[in-house]
Amino acid sequence: MDIQTSTSHDARFSPTHIRVTWAGTGSVEDASKAFGFSRSKGYTLVRQGMFPCRVLRIGRSTRVVTASLLRVLESGEPEYTGISIGS
């Protein structure tokens, strides 16, 4: 699966900005924007176990691992495990 990001998306979601401003995890919504797709599509991919990078379920919250997000954005290769989270 080749990850394609929108060239017109906000600079707040560039790898450089993410590296400087995000902590160890980020929201599914923000990570989805970084990949160029909607929040809804992001959560659908999380449920299917196909979000392009590592996702953690912490209590009732779902978080994206920042280091994994950066690796995927820079390489274009997904890191998902195929394990679905929730339903």
Protein backbone atom coordinates (compact mmCIF):
# COMPACT_ATOMS: atom_id res chain seq x y z
CA MET A 1 0.00 0.00 0.00
CA ASP A 2 1.50 3.28 -1.10
CA ILE A 3 0.72 6.20 1.21
CA GLN A 4 -0.20 9.32 -0.70
CA THR A 5 -0.47 12.66 1.04
CA SER A 6 -2.07 15.81 -0.26
CA THR A 7 0.42 18.42 -1.40
CA SER A 8 -1.93 21.20 -0.33
CA HIS A 9 -2.30 20.17 3.31
CA ASP A 10 -1.37 22.45 6.16
CA ALA A 11 2.31 22.88 7.14
CA ARG A 12 1.28 21.95 10.72
CA PHE A 13 1.21 18.37 9.52
CA SER A 14 4.62 18.30 7.86
CA PRO A 15 7.19 15.85 9.32
CA THR A 16 9.39 18.75 10.43
CA HIS A 17 6.60 20.45 12.36
CA ILE A 18 5.34 17.16 13.84
CA ARG A 19 8.86 16.27 15.03
CA VAL A 20 9.17 19.60 16.87
CA THR A 21 5.67 19.97 18.31
CA TRP A 22 4.16 16.53 18.97
CA ALA A 23 4.85 14.46 22.07
CA GLY A 24 5.07 10.65 21.97
CA THR A 25 1.57 10.26 20.57
CA GLY A 26 -0.91 12.30 18.57
CA SER A 27 -4.59 12.16 17.78
CA VAL A 28 -6.04 10.01 15.02
CA GLU A 29 -7.62 13.17 13.63
CA ASP A 30 -4.29 15.02 13.33
CA ALA A 31 -2.46 11.97 11.97
CA SER A 32 -5.22 11.52 9.38
CA LYS A 33 -4.74 15.14 8.30
CA ALA A 34 -0.99 14.52 7.98
CA PHE A 35 -1.78 11.64 5.60
CA GLY A 36 -4.28 13.74 3.68
CA PHE A 37 -7.47 11.95 4.56
CA SER A 38 -10.48 12.75 6.74
CA ARG A 39 -10.97 12.03 10.43
CA SER A 40 -13.76 9.61 9.52
CA LYS A 41 -11.51 7.68 7.10
CA GLY A 42 -8.79 7.60 9.77
CA TYR A 43 -11.06 6.02 12.37
CA THR A 44 -12.39 3.56 9.79
CA LEU A 45 -8.82 2.47 9.02
CA VAL A 46 -8.08 2.15 12.77
CA ARG A 47 -11.13 -0.11 13.22
CA GLN A 48 -10.05 -2.23 10.26
CA GLY A 49 -6.48 -2.51 11.55
CA MET A 50 -5.21 -0.72 8.45
CA PHE A 51 -4.18 2.72 9.72
CA PRO A 52 -0.79 3.34 8.06
CA CYS A 53 1.15 3.64 11.34
CA ARG A 54 1.10 2.26 14.89
CA VAL A 55 -1.98 3.04 16.95
CA LEU A 56 -2.39 2.58 20.70
CA ARG A 57 -5.61 2.08 22.58
CA ILE A 58 -5.27 3.78 25.99
CA GLY A 59 -8.46 3.42 27.99
CA ARG A 60 -11.18 4.87 25.79
CA SER A 61 -8.69 6.93 23.80
CA THR A 62 -6.96 5.94 20.56
CA ARG A 63 -3.55 7.54 19.96
CA VAL A 64 -1.09 7.41 17.07
CA VAL A 65 2.60 6.77 17.83
CA THR A 66 4.48 9.85 16.62
CA ALA A 67 7.71 8.02 15.72
CA SER A 68 5.75 5.55 13.60
CA LEU A 69 3.83 8.38 11.92
CA LEU A 70 7.09 10.12 11.01
CA ARG A 71 8.64 6.91 9.62
CA VAL A 72 5.61 6.35 7.40
CA LEU A 73 5.45 9.97 6.21
CA GLU A 74 9.13 9.90 5.32
CA SER A 75 9.26 6.44 3.74
CA GLY A 76 5.79 6.16 2.22
CA GLU A 77 5.56 2.59 3.51
CA PRO A 78 2.83 1.70 6.06
CA GLU A 79 3.65 0.08 9.41
CA TYR A 80 0.23 -1.24 10.35
CA THR A 81 -0.02 -4.62 11.98
CA GLY A 82 -3.36 -5.69 10.57
CA ILE A 83 -4.79 -5.94 14.08
CA SER A 84 -8.09 -4.14 14.43
CA ILE A 85 -8.86 -2.00 17.44
CA GLY A 86 -12.42 -2.00 18.70
CA SER A 87 -15.43 -2.27 16.47
